[in-house]
Amino acid sequence: MNLDSSEIKAGCTWYEITTVVPSTFQAAIAVDWISSTKAKLMAMLTAVATLPPECSVHIYTDSKVIIDKFYTIQSLSSSYFDYARPNLKDTYTSLWFILFTYIRQHNLSVTLHKVKAHNNNYWNEQTDQLAKEACDLSSPITSLISDRFSVIPMYNSTAIMISLRPFLKHLTQAQDFYKFITL
């Protein structure tokens, strides 16, 4: 993710290293509601989507947030997505729903492992470099929306992918500040 430029960009990437010749995936990500968590979640989602049914995979990531959230949802899998209200308090719920639906439908076994970021781990460094390069690719992956809920909160024709309450609070504060400075 490149937050230093005037145009915010993000990329998602992964390496598959269990074959003789490692294969890679890289894509730009649409920047609506972007964060490093979304980029890493999109990388995990695209990696899992390439798996054949009924297989096991070990995914190595430097994101503790992704690992913790994955195992939290997995431990509550039967009830986590059942009710809309708690999910409106969470971020990227539709992406997590798509990921877990795919895992369940294809009977996949996914194990996540934490690697230390920026610690000279060859594959982690390669993946980070590939993600930086992916920022400049054309045709980014746009937000994936599931049909899990009959109502999806939107703002300016974009699905709100972050916690709804803080979003509305910040939006209201920004509108109030604008009214104040234009007095």
N, C-alpha and C. Protein backbone atom coordinates (compact mmCIF):
# COMPACT_ATOMS: atom_id res chain seq x y z
N MET A 1 0.85 -1.16 0.00
CA MET A 1 0.00 0.00 0.00
C MET A 1 0.90 1.22 0.00
N ASN A 2 0.57 2.20 -0.82
CA ASN A 2 1.40 3.39 -0.94
C ASN A 2 0.62 4.60 -0.45
N LEU A 3 0.84 4.98 0.81
CA LEU A 3 0.12 6.12 1.39
C LEU A 3 0.89 7.42 1.23
N ASP A 4 2.12 7.35 0.69
CA ASP A 4 2.94 8.56 0.54
C ASP A 4 2.59 9.35 -0.71
N SER A 5 1.95 8.74 -1.67
CA SER A 5 1.66 9.44 -2.91
C SER A 5 0.33 10.17 -2.79
N SER A 6 0.10 11.05 -3.77
CA SER A 6 -1.17 11.78 -3.77
C SER A 6 -2.32 10.87 -4.16
N GLU A 7 -2.01 9.77 -4.83
CA GLU A 7 -3.04 8.80 -5.20
C GLU A 7 -2.78 7.51 -4.41
N ILE A 8 -3.68 7.19 -3.51
CA ILE A 8 -3.50 6.00 -2.68
C ILE A 8 -3.73 4.75 -3.53
N LYS A 9 -2.80 3.80 -3.42
CA LYS A 9 -2.88 2.57 -4.18
C LYS A 9 -2.59 1.41 -3.24
N ALA A 10 -3.08 0.24 -3.60
CA ALA A 10 -2.80 -0.96 -2.82
C ALA A 10 -2.71 -2.16 -3.75
N GLY A 11 -1.96 -3.14 -3.30
CA GLY A 11 -1.84 -4.36 -4.08
C GLY A 11 -1.97 -5.57 -3.18
N CYS A 12 -2.42 -6.66 -3.74
CA CYS A 12 -2.46 -7.92 -2.98
C CYS A 12 -1.67 -8.95 -3.77
N THR A 13 -0.88 -9.74 -3.04
CA THR A 13 -0.02 -10.71 -3.69
C THR A 13 0.13 -11.95 -2.83
N TRP A 14 0.54 -13.02 -3.46
CA TRP A 14 0.92 -14.23 -2.73
C TRP A 14 1.82 -15.08 -3.59
N TYR A 15 2.57 -15.92 -2.92
CA TYR A 15 3.44 -16.90 -3.56
C TYR A 15 2.96 -18.29 -3.16
N GLU A 16 3.00 -19.21 -4.11
CA GLU A 16 2.75 -20.62 -3.82
C GLU A 16 4.11 -21.29 -3.99
N ILE A 17 4.69 -21.79 -2.89
CA ILE A 17 6.09 -22.23 -2.92
C ILE A 17 6.30 -23.73 -2.75
N THR A 18 5.22 -24.51 -2.80
CA THR A 18 5.40 -25.95 -2.60
C THR A 18 5.69 -26.70 -3.89
N THR A 19 5.71 -25.99 -5.00
CA THR A 19 6.03 -26.61 -6.28
C THR A 19 7.49 -26.36 -6.62
N VAL A 20 7.99 -27.02 -7.65
CA VAL A 20 9.38 -26.86 -8.06
C VAL A 20 9.65 -25.41 -8.45
N VAL A 21 8.74 -24.83 -9.21
CA VAL A 21 8.86 -23.43 -9.60
C VAL A 21 7.74 -22.66 -8.90
N PRO A 22 8.09 -21.79 -7.94
CA PRO A 22 7.05 -21.04 -7.22
C PRO A 22 6.19 -20.21 -8.17
N SER A 23 4.89 -20.21 -7.93
CA SER A 23 4.00 -19.38 -8.73
C SER A 23 3.56 -18.18 -7.90
N THR A 24 3.19 -17.12 -8.60
CA THR A 24 2.81 -15.89 -7.91
C THR A 24 1.46 -15.40 -8.40
N PHE A 25 0.86 -14.54 -7.60
CA PHE A 25 -0.35 -13.83 -7.98
C PHE A 25 -0.18 -12.41 -7.50
N GLN A 26 -0.54 -11.46 -8.32
CA GLN A 26 -0.55 -10.08 -7.88
C GLN A 26 -1.67 -9.33 -8.58
N ALA A 27 -2.28 -8.40 -7.85
CA ALA A 27 -3.35 -7.59 -8.40
C ALA A 27 -3.43 -6.27 -7.64
N ALA A 28 -3.86 -5.26 -8.34
CA ALA A 28 -4.15 -3.99 -7.68
C ALA A 28 -5.51 -4.13 -7.01
N ILE A 29 -5.73 -3.34 -5.98
CA ILE A 29 -7.01 -3.38 -5.27
C ILE A 29 -7.64 -2.00 -5.34
N ALA A 30 -8.93 -1.97 -5.59
CA ALA A 30 -9.66 -0.70 -5.56
C ALA A 30 -9.51 -0.10 -4.16
N VAL A 31 -9.35 1.19 -4.08
CA VAL A 31 -8.96 1.81 -2.82
C VAL A 31 -10.13 2.26 -1.94
N ASP A 32 -11.34 1.86 -2.26
CA ASP A 32 -12.44 2.21 -1.37
C ASP A 32 -12.29 1.44 -0.06
N TRP A 33 -12.24 2.16 1.04
CA TRP A 33 -12.10 1.59 2.39
C TRP A 33 -10.82 0.76 2.52
N ILE A 34 -9.74 1.25 1.97
CA ILE A 34 -8.50 0.47 1.92
C ILE A 34 -7.75 0.51 3.25
N SER A 35 -7.09 -0.58 3.52
CA SER A 35 -6.18 -0.70 4.66
C SER A 35 -5.26 -1.87 4.37
N SER A 36 -4.20 -2.00 5.13
CA SER A 36 -3.32 -3.15 4.93
C SER A 36 -4.07 -4.44 5.25
N THR A 37 -5.00 -4.37 6.19
CA THR A 37 -5.80 -5.55 6.52
C THR A 37 -6.63 -5.99 5.31
N LYS A 38 -7.24 -5.03 4.62
CA LYS A 38 -8.03 -5.40 3.44
C LYS A 38 -7.13 -6.00 2.37
N ALA A 39 -5.95 -5.42 2.16
CA ALA A 39 -5.04 -5.94 1.14
C ALA A 39 -4.63 -7.38 1.46
N LYS A 40 -4.33 -7.64 2.73
CA LYS A 40 -3.91 -9.00 3.12
C LYS A 40 -5.08 -9.97 3.10
N LEU A 41 -6.27 -9.49 3.45
CA LEU A 41 -7.46 -10.34 3.38
C LEU A 41 -7.78 -10.68 1.92
N MET A 42 -7.65 -9.71 1.02
CA MET A 42 -7.88 -9.97 -0.40
C MET A 42 -6.85 -10.97 -0.94
N ALA A 43 -5.60 -10.86 -0.48
CA ALA A 43 -4.58 -11.82 -0.91
C ALA A 43 -4.95 -13.23 -0.44
N MET A 44 -5.39 -13.33 0.80
CA MET A 44 -5.78 -14.64 1.33
C MET A 44 -6.99 -15.19 0.58
N LEU A 45 -7.96 -14.34 0.31
CA LEU A 45 -9.17 -14.76 -0.41
C LEU A 45 -8.83 -15.25 -1.82
N THR A 46 -7.98 -14.52 -2.52
CA THR A 46 -7.62 -14.94 -3.88
C THR A 46 -6.79 -16.22 -3.86
N ALA A 47 -5.95 -16.40 -2.84
CA ALA A 47 -5.16 -17.63 -2.74
C ALA A 47 -6.06 -18.83 -2.48
N VAL A 48 -6.98 -18.69 -1.54
CA VAL A 48 -7.89 -19.79 -1.19
C VAL A 48 -8.79 -20.13 -2.38
N ALA A 49 -9.16 -19.14 -3.17
CA ALA A 49 -10.05 -19.38 -4.32
C ALA A 49 -9.38 -20.22 -5.40
N THR A 50 -8.07 -20.37 -5.36
CA THR A 50 -7.37 -21.19 -6.36
C THR A 50 -7.22 -22.64 -5.94
N LEU A 51 -7.62 -22.96 -4.72
CA LEU A 51 -7.41 -24.31 -4.19
C LEU A 51 -8.44 -25.29 -4.73
N PRO A 52 -8.01 -26.53 -4.96
CA PRO A 52 -8.98 -27.56 -5.35
C PRO A 52 -9.80 -27.98 -4.13
N PRO A 53 -10.96 -28.57 -4.34
CA PRO A 53 -11.78 -29.02 -3.20
C PRO A 53 -11.05 -30.04 -2.34
N GLU A 54 -11.42 -30.04 -1.07
CA GLU A 54 -10.94 -31.02 -0.10
C GLU A 54 -9.42 -31.10 0.00
N CYS A 55 -8.81 -29.96 0.19
CA CYS A 55 -7.35 -29.96 0.38
C CYS A 55 -7.00 -29.15 1.63
N SER A 56 -5.76 -29.26 2.02
CA SER A 56 -5.24 -28.52 3.17
C SER A 56 -4.22 -27.52 2.67
N VAL A 57 -4.19 -26.35 3.30
CA VAL A 57 -3.22 -25.33 2.92
C VAL A 57 -2.69 -24.65 4.18
N HIS A 58 -1.43 -24.30 4.15
CA HIS A 58 -0.80 -23.51 5.21
C HIS A 58 -0.48 -22.15 4.61
N ILE A 59 -1.00 -21.11 5.21
CA ILE A 59 -0.78 -19.74 4.74
C ILE A 59 0.08 -19.01 5.77
N TYR A 60 1.14 -18.41 5.27
CA TYR A 60 2.06 -17.65 6.13
C TYR A 60 1.84 -16.17 5.87
N THR A 61 1.62 -15.42 6.94
CA THR A 61 1.35 -14.00 6.81
C THR A 61 2.01 -13.25 7.95
N ASP A 62 2.30 -11.98 7.70
CA ASP A 62 2.87 -11.15 8.77
C ASP A 62 1.77 -10.34 9.48
N SER A 63 0.51 -10.65 9.18
CA SER A 63 -0.60 -9.91 9.76
C SER A 63 -1.25 -10.67 10.92
N LYS A 64 -0.96 -10.24 12.12
CA LYS A 64 -1.59 -10.84 13.30
C LYS A 64 -3.08 -10.55 13.31
N VAL A 65 -3.47 -9.40 12.79
CA VAL A 65 -4.90 -9.04 12.72
C VAL A 65 -5.67 -10.07 11.90
N ILE A 66 -5.13 -10.44 10.75
CA ILE A 66 -5.78 -11.43 9.89
C ILE A 66 -5.86 -12.79 10.59
N ILE A 67 -4.76 -13.19 11.20
CA ILE A 67 -4.73 -14.49 11.88
C ILE A 67 -5.74 -14.53 13.03
N ASP A 68 -5.73 -13.50 13.88
CA ASP A 68 -6.66 -13.47 15.02
C ASP A 68 -8.11 -13.46 14.57
N LYS A 69 -8.42 -12.64 13.56
CA LYS A 69 -9.79 -12.55 13.08
C LYS A 69 -10.23 -13.88 12.44
N PHE A 70 -9.34 -14.49 11.68
CA PHE A 70 -9.65 -15.77 11.03
C PHE A 70 -10.03 -16.82 12.07
N TYR A 71 -9.21 -16.95 13.11
CA TYR A 71 -9.48 -17.97 14.12
C TYR A 71 -10.68 -17.61 15.00
N THR A 72 -10.95 -16.33 15.19
CA THR A 72 -12.16 -15.92 15.92
C THR A 72 -13.40 -16.34 15.13
N ILE A 73 -13.41 -16.02 13.85
CA ILE A 73 -14.57 -16.39 13.03
C ILE A 73 -14.69 -17.91 12.93
N GLN A 74 -13.57 -18.59 12.76
CA GLN A 74 -13.58 -20.04 12.64
C GLN A 74 -14.16 -20.70 13.90
N SER A 75 -13.81 -20.15 15.07
CA SER A 75 -14.32 -20.74 16.31
C SER A 75 -15.81 -20.49 16.49
N LEU A 76 -16.34 -19.46 15.87
CA LEU A 76 -17.77 -19.14 15.96
C LEU A 76 -18.50 -19.42 14.64
N SER A 77 -17.92 -20.25 13.80
CA SER A 77 -18.37 -20.40 12.41
C SER A 77 -19.87 -20.64 12.27
N SER A 78 -20.46 -21.34 13.19
CA SER A 78 -21.88 -21.63 13.03
C SER A 78 -22.77 -20.43 13.31
N SER A 79 -22.25 -19.43 14.03
CA SER A 79 -23.11 -18.30 14.38
C SER A 79 -22.57 -16.93 13.99
N TYR A 80 -21.34 -16.83 13.53
CA TYR A 80 -20.72 -15.53 13.31
C TYR A 80 -21.48 -14.67 12.31
N PHE A 81 -21.95 -15.24 11.22
CA PHE A 81 -22.60 -14.46 10.17
C PHE A 81 -24.13 -14.53 10.23
N ASP A 82 -24.68 -15.09 11.30
CA ASP A 82 -26.12 -15.29 11.37
C ASP A 82 -26.93 -14.01 11.51
N TYR A 83 -26.37 -13.01 12.16
CA TYR A 83 -27.14 -11.80 12.45
C TYR A 83 -26.45 -10.58 11.87
N ALA A 84 -27.21 -9.71 11.24
CA ALA A 84 -26.65 -8.54 10.57
C ALA A 84 -26.09 -7.52 11.54
N ARG A 85 -26.77 -7.29 12.66
CA ARG A 85 -26.38 -6.21 13.54
C ARG A 85 -24.93 -6.30 14.04
N PRO A 86 -24.48 -7.45 14.58
CA PRO A 86 -23.08 -7.50 15.02
C PRO A 86 -22.09 -7.33 13.86
N ASN A 87 -22.49 -7.78 12.68
CA ASN A 87 -21.61 -7.66 11.53
C ASN A 87 -21.47 -6.23 11.03
N LEU A 88 -22.44 -5.39 11.32
CA LEU A 88 -22.32 -3.97 10.95
C LEU A 88 -21.29 -3.26 11.82
N LYS A 89 -20.90 -3.89 12.93
CA LYS A 89 -19.90 -3.32 13.82
C LYS A 89 -18.49 -3.76 13.44
N ASP A 90 -18.38 -4.58 12.44
CA ASP A 90 -17.11 -5.18 12.06
C ASP A 90 -16.63 -4.62 10.73
N THR A 91 -15.37 -4.88 10.39
CA THR A 91 -14.83 -4.42 9.11
C THR A 91 -14.71 -5.59 8.13
N TYR A 92 -14.96 -5.29 6.87
CA TYR A 92 -14.81 -6.25 5.78
C TYR A 92 -15.61 -7.53 5.98
N THR A 93 -16.78 -7.42 6.58
CA THR A 93 -17.61 -8.59 6.87
C THR A 93 -17.93 -9.37 5.60
N SER A 94 -18.24 -8.67 4.52
CA SER A 94 -18.61 -9.41 3.30
C SER A 94 -17.42 -10.20 2.75
N LEU A 95 -16.21 -9.66 2.87
CA LEU A 95 -15.03 -10.40 2.41
C LEU A 95 -14.79 -11.63 3.27
N TRP A 96 -14.94 -11.48 4.58
CA TRP A 96 -14.78 -12.64 5.47
C TRP A 96 -15.86 -13.68 5.18
N PHE A 97 -17.07 -13.22 4.92
CA PHE A 97 -18.16 -14.15 4.61
C PHE A 97 -17.85 -14.94 3.33
N ILE A 98 -17.37 -14.25 2.31
CA ILE A 98 -17.03 -14.92 1.05
C ILE A 98 -15.92 -15.95 1.29
N LEU A 99 -14.91 -15.57 2.06
CA LEU A 99 -13.80 -16.48 2.36
C LEU A 99 -14.30 -17.74 3.07
N PHE A 100 -15.06 -17.57 4.14
CA PHE A 100 -15.51 -18.72 4.91
C PHE A 100 -16.55 -19.56 4.17
N THR A 101 -17.35 -18.92 3.33
CA THR A 101 -18.29 -19.67 2.51
C THR A 101 -17.53 -20.57 1.54
N TYR A 102 -16.50 -20.02 0.91
CA TYR A 102 -15.69 -20.81 -0.03
C TYR A 102 -15.00 -21.97 0.69
N ILE A 103 -14.42 -21.68 1.85
CA ILE A 103 -13.75 -22.73 2.64
C ILE A 103 -14.72 -23.85 2.98
N ARG A 104 -15.92 -23.47 3.43
CA ARG A 104 -16.91 -24.47 3.82
C ARG A 104 -17.42 -25.26 2.62
N GLN A 105 -17.76 -24.55 1.52
CA GLN A 105 -18.32 -25.23 0.35
C GLN A 105 -17.32 -26.18 -0.31
N HIS A 106 -16.03 -25.88 -0.20
CA HIS A 106 -15.01 -26.71 -0.85
C HIS A 106 -14.29 -27.63 0.13
N ASN A 107 -14.79 -27.65 1.37
CA ASN A 107 -14.25 -28.52 2.41
C ASN A 107 -12.73 -28.38 2.52
N LEU A 108 -12.28 -27.15 2.71
CA LEU A 108 -10.86 -26.85 2.80
C LEU A 108 -10.40 -26.80 4.25
N SER A 109 -9.16 -27.15 4.46
CA SER A 109 -8.54 -27.00 5.76
C SER A 109 -7.47 -25.91 5.63
N VAL A 110 -7.67 -24.80 6.32
CA VAL A 110 -6.76 -23.65 6.22
C VAL A 110 -6.11 -23.43 7.57
N THR A 111 -4.79 -23.39 7.56
CA THR A 111 -4.02 -23.10 8.78
C THR A 111 -3.17 -21.88 8.51
N LEU A 112 -3.24 -20.91 9.42
CA LEU A 112 -2.46 -19.68 9.26
C LEU A 112 -1.27 -19.70 10.21
N HIS A 113 -0.17 -19.16 9.72
CA HIS A 113 1.06 -19.07 10.51
C HIS A 113 1.57 -17.63 10.47
N LYS A 114 2.06 -17.16 11.59
CA LYS A 114 2.59 -15.80 11.69
C LYS A 114 4.07 -15.80 11.36
N VAL A 115 4.47 -14.89 10.47
CA VAL A 115 5.89 -14.65 10.22
C VAL A 115 6.18 -13.21 10.62
N LYS A 116 7.36 -12.98 11.09
CA LYS A 116 7.74 -11.64 11.53
C LYS A 116 7.96 -10.75 10.30
N ALA A 117 7.34 -9.58 10.32
CA ALA A 117 7.47 -8.64 9.21
C ALA A 117 8.85 -7.98 9.23
N HIS A 118 9.36 -7.69 8.04
CA HIS A 118 10.62 -6.94 7.89
C HIS A 118 11.75 -7.55 8.71
N ASN A 119 11.86 -8.89 8.65
CA ASN A 119 12.87 -9.59 9.43
C ASN A 119 13.73 -10.49 8.53
N ASN A 120 13.93 -10.01 7.30
CA ASN A 120 14.74 -10.74 6.32
C ASN A 120 14.21 -12.13 6.01
N ASN A 121 12.89 -12.32 6.12
CA ASN A 121 12.26 -13.56 5.67
C ASN A 121 12.11 -13.45 4.15
N TYR A 122 12.82 -14.29 3.43
CA TYR A 122 12.89 -14.16 1.97
C TYR A 122 11.50 -14.07 1.32
N TRP A 123 10.62 -15.01 1.62
CA TRP A 123 9.32 -15.03 0.95
C TRP A 123 8.43 -13.87 1.37
N ASN A 124 8.54 -13.44 2.62
CA ASN A 124 7.77 -12.28 3.06
C ASN A 124 8.26 -11.01 2.36
N GLU A 125 9.56 -10.87 2.24
CA GLU A 125 10.13 -9.70 1.55
C GLU A 125 9.75 -9.70 0.06
N GLN A 126 9.79 -10.88 -0.56
CA GLN A 126 9.41 -10.99 -1.97
C GLN A 126 7.93 -10.63 -2.17
N THR A 127 7.10 -11.10 -1.26
CA THR A 127 5.67 -10.81 -1.34
C THR A 127 5.42 -9.32 -1.16
N ASP A 128 6.10 -8.68 -0.21
CA ASP A 128 5.95 -7.24 -0.02
C ASP A 128 6.37 -6.46 -1.27
N GLN A 129 7.48 -6.88 -1.88
CA GLN A 129 7.95 -6.22 -3.11
C GLN A 129 6.94 -6.38 -4.24
N LEU A 130 6.40 -7.59 -4.38
CA LEU A 130 5.40 -7.85 -5.40
C LEU A 130 4.14 -7.01 -5.17
N ALA A 131 3.77 -6.82 -3.90
CA ALA A 131 2.60 -6.00 -3.57
C ALA A 131 2.83 -4.54 -3.96
N LYS A 132 4.04 -4.03 -3.74
CA LYS A 132 4.35 -2.65 -4.15
C LYS A 132 4.24 -2.50 -5.65
N GLU A 133 4.73 -3.50 -6.38
CA GLU A 133 4.64 -3.46 -7.84
C GLU A 133 3.19 -3.57 -8.30
N ALA A 134 2.39 -4.32 -7.57
CA ALA A 134 0.98 -4.53 -7.95
C ALA A 134 0.17 -3.25 -7.87
N CYS A 135 0.62 -2.31 -7.06
CA CYS A 135 -0.11 -1.04 -6.93
C CYS A 135 -0.30 -0.34 -8.27
N ASP A 136 0.64 -0.53 -9.19
CA ASP A 136 0.59 0.16 -10.48
C ASP A 136 -0.09 -0.65 -11.58
N LEU A 137 -0.61 -1.81 -11.26
CA LEU A 137 -1.31 -2.60 -12.27
C LEU A 137 -2.66 -1.96 -12.60
N SER A 138 -3.07 -2.12 -13.83
CA SER A 138 -4.39 -1.59 -14.20
C SER A 138 -5.47 -2.61 -13.83
N SER A 139 -6.69 -2.23 -13.96
CA SER A 139 -7.85 -3.08 -13.68
C SER A 139 -7.80 -3.69 -12.29
N PRO A 140 -7.93 -2.85 -11.26
CA PRO A 140 -7.88 -3.38 -9.90
C PRO A 140 -9.08 -4.26 -9.57
N ILE A 141 -8.86 -5.13 -8.59
CA ILE A 141 -9.97 -5.91 -8.05
C ILE A 141 -10.85 -4.93 -7.28
N THR A 142 -12.11 -4.88 -7.62
CA THR A 142 -13.02 -4.00 -6.89
C THR A 142 -13.57 -4.75 -5.69
N SER A 143 -14.23 -4.06 -4.83
CA SER A 143 -14.77 -4.69 -3.63
C SER A 143 -15.73 -5.80 -4.00
N LEU A 144 -15.59 -6.90 -3.31
CA LEU A 144 -16.48 -8.03 -3.50
C LEU A 144 -17.61 -7.90 -2.49
N ILE A 145 -18.82 -8.00 -2.96
CA ILE A 145 -19.98 -7.87 -2.08
C ILE A 145 -20.74 -9.19 -2.09
N SER A 146 -21.01 -9.72 -0.92
CA SER A 146 -21.80 -10.95 -0.85
C SER A 146 -23.27 -10.58 -0.75
N ASP A 147 -24.11 -11.54 -1.01
CA ASP A 147 -25.55 -11.31 -0.89
C ASP A 147 -26.07 -11.83 0.45
N ARG A 148 -25.21 -11.86 1.43
CA ARG A 148 -25.56 -12.41 2.75
C ARG A 148 -26.67 -11.61 3.41
N PHE A 149 -26.61 -10.30 3.32
CA PHE A 149 -27.61 -9.46 3.99
C PHE A 149 -28.46 -8.76 2.93
N SER A 150 -29.72 -8.56 3.26
CA SER A 150 -30.62 -7.94 2.29
C SER A 150 -30.37 -6.44 2.17
N VAL A 151 -29.70 -5.85 3.14
CA VAL A 151 -29.39 -4.42 3.11
C VAL A 151 -27.88 -4.26 3.32
N ILE A 152 -27.26 -3.53 2.42
CA ILE A 152 -25.83 -3.24 2.54
C ILE A 152 -25.68 -1.73 2.67
N PRO A 153 -25.08 -1.25 3.76
CA PRO A 153 -24.91 0.20 3.91
C PRO A 153 -24.01 0.75 2.80
N MET A 154 -24.46 1.84 2.18
CA MET A 154 -23.72 2.45 1.07
C MET A 154 -23.50 3.93 1.37
N TYR A 155 -22.44 4.46 0.80
CA TYR A 155 -22.18 5.90 0.83
C TYR A 155 -21.59 6.29 -0.51
N ASN A 156 -22.21 7.22 -1.20
CA ASN A 156 -21.78 7.63 -2.55
C ASN A 156 -21.59 6.42 -3.47
N SER A 157 -22.55 5.54 -3.49
CA SER A 157 -22.57 4.34 -4.35
C SER A 157 -21.45 3.35 -4.05
N THR A 158 -20.87 3.40 -2.86
CA THR A 158 -19.82 2.47 -2.45
C THR A 158 -20.26 1.80 -1.16
N ALA A 159 -20.14 0.47 -1.13
CA ALA A 159 -20.50 -0.26 0.09
C ALA A 159 -19.56 0.15 1.22
N ILE A 160 -20.12 0.40 2.38
CA ILE A 160 -19.32 0.76 3.56
C ILE A 160 -18.75 -0.53 4.12
N MET A 161 -17.42 -0.64 4.10
CA MET A 161 -16.75 -1.87 4.50
C MET A 161 -16.14 -1.78 5.89
N ILE A 162 -16.38 -0.69 6.58
CA ILE A 162 -15.83 -0.52 7.92
C ILE A 162 -16.97 -0.47 8.91
N SER A 163 -16.64 -0.47 10.17
CA SER A 163 -17.64 -0.41 11.22
C SER A 163 -18.56 0.79 11.01
N LEU A 164 -19.85 0.55 11.01
CA LEU A 164 -20.82 1.58 10.64
C LEU A 164 -20.88 2.74 11.62
N ARG A 165 -20.89 2.47 12.91
CA ARG A 165 -21.02 3.54 13.91
C ARG A 165 -19.87 4.55 13.84
N PRO A 166 -18.60 4.11 13.87
CA PRO A 166 -17.51 5.10 13.73
C PRO A 166 -17.55 5.82 12.38
N PHE A 167 -17.95 5.12 11.31
CA PHE A 167 -18.05 5.78 10.01
C PHE A 167 -19.04 6.94 10.08
N LEU A 168 -20.22 6.68 10.64
CA LEU A 168 -21.24 7.74 10.73
C LEU A 168 -20.79 8.87 11.65
N LYS A 169 -20.10 8.52 12.72
CA LYS A 169 -19.58 9.53 13.65
C LYS A 169 -18.58 10.44 12.93
N HIS A 170 -17.63 9.84 12.19
CA HIS A 170 -16.63 10.64 11.49
C HIS A 170 -17.24 11.46 10.36
N LEU A 171 -18.22 10.90 9.69
CA LEU A 171 -18.91 11.63 8.63
C LEU A 171 -19.63 12.85 9.20
N THR A 172 -20.34 12.65 10.31
CA THR A 172 -21.04 13.76 10.96
C THR A 172 -20.06 14.83 11.44
N GLN A 173 -18.95 14.42 12.02
CA GLN A 173 -17.94 15.37 12.47
C GLN A 173 -17.37 16.17 11.30
N ALA A 174 -17.13 15.49 10.19
CA ALA A 174 -16.60 16.18 9.01
C ALA A 174 -17.61 17.18 8.46
N GLN A 175 -18.90 16.80 8.44
CA GLN A 175 -19.93 17.71 7.96
C GLN A 175 -20.07 18.91 8.90
N ASP A 176 -20.03 18.65 10.19
CA ASP A 176 -20.11 19.75 11.16
C ASP A 176 -18.90 20.68 11.03
N PHE A 177 -17.73 20.13 10.84
CA PHE A 177 -16.51 20.95 10.68
C PHE A 177 -16.63 21.80 9.40
N TYR A 178 -17.13 21.21 8.33
CA TYR A 178 -17.32 21.95 7.09
C TYR A 178 -18.29 23.11 7.30
N LYS A 179 -19.39 22.88 7.99
CA LYS A 179 -20.36 23.94 8.29
C LYS A 179 -19.70 25.05 9.11
N PHE A 180 -18.86 24.67 10.07
CA PHE A 180 -18.19 25.64 10.91
C PHE A 180 -17.22 26.52 10.12
N ILE A 181 -16.40 25.91 9.27
CA ILE A 181 -15.41 26.72 8.55
C ILE A 181 -16.01 27.52 7.41
N THR A 182 -17.25 27.22 7.04
CA THR A 182 -17.90 28.00 5.98
C THR A 182 -18.92 29.00 6.53
N LEU A 183 -18.83 29.28 7.82
CA LEU A 183 -19.74 30.27 8.43
C LEU A 183 -19.52 31.65 7.84
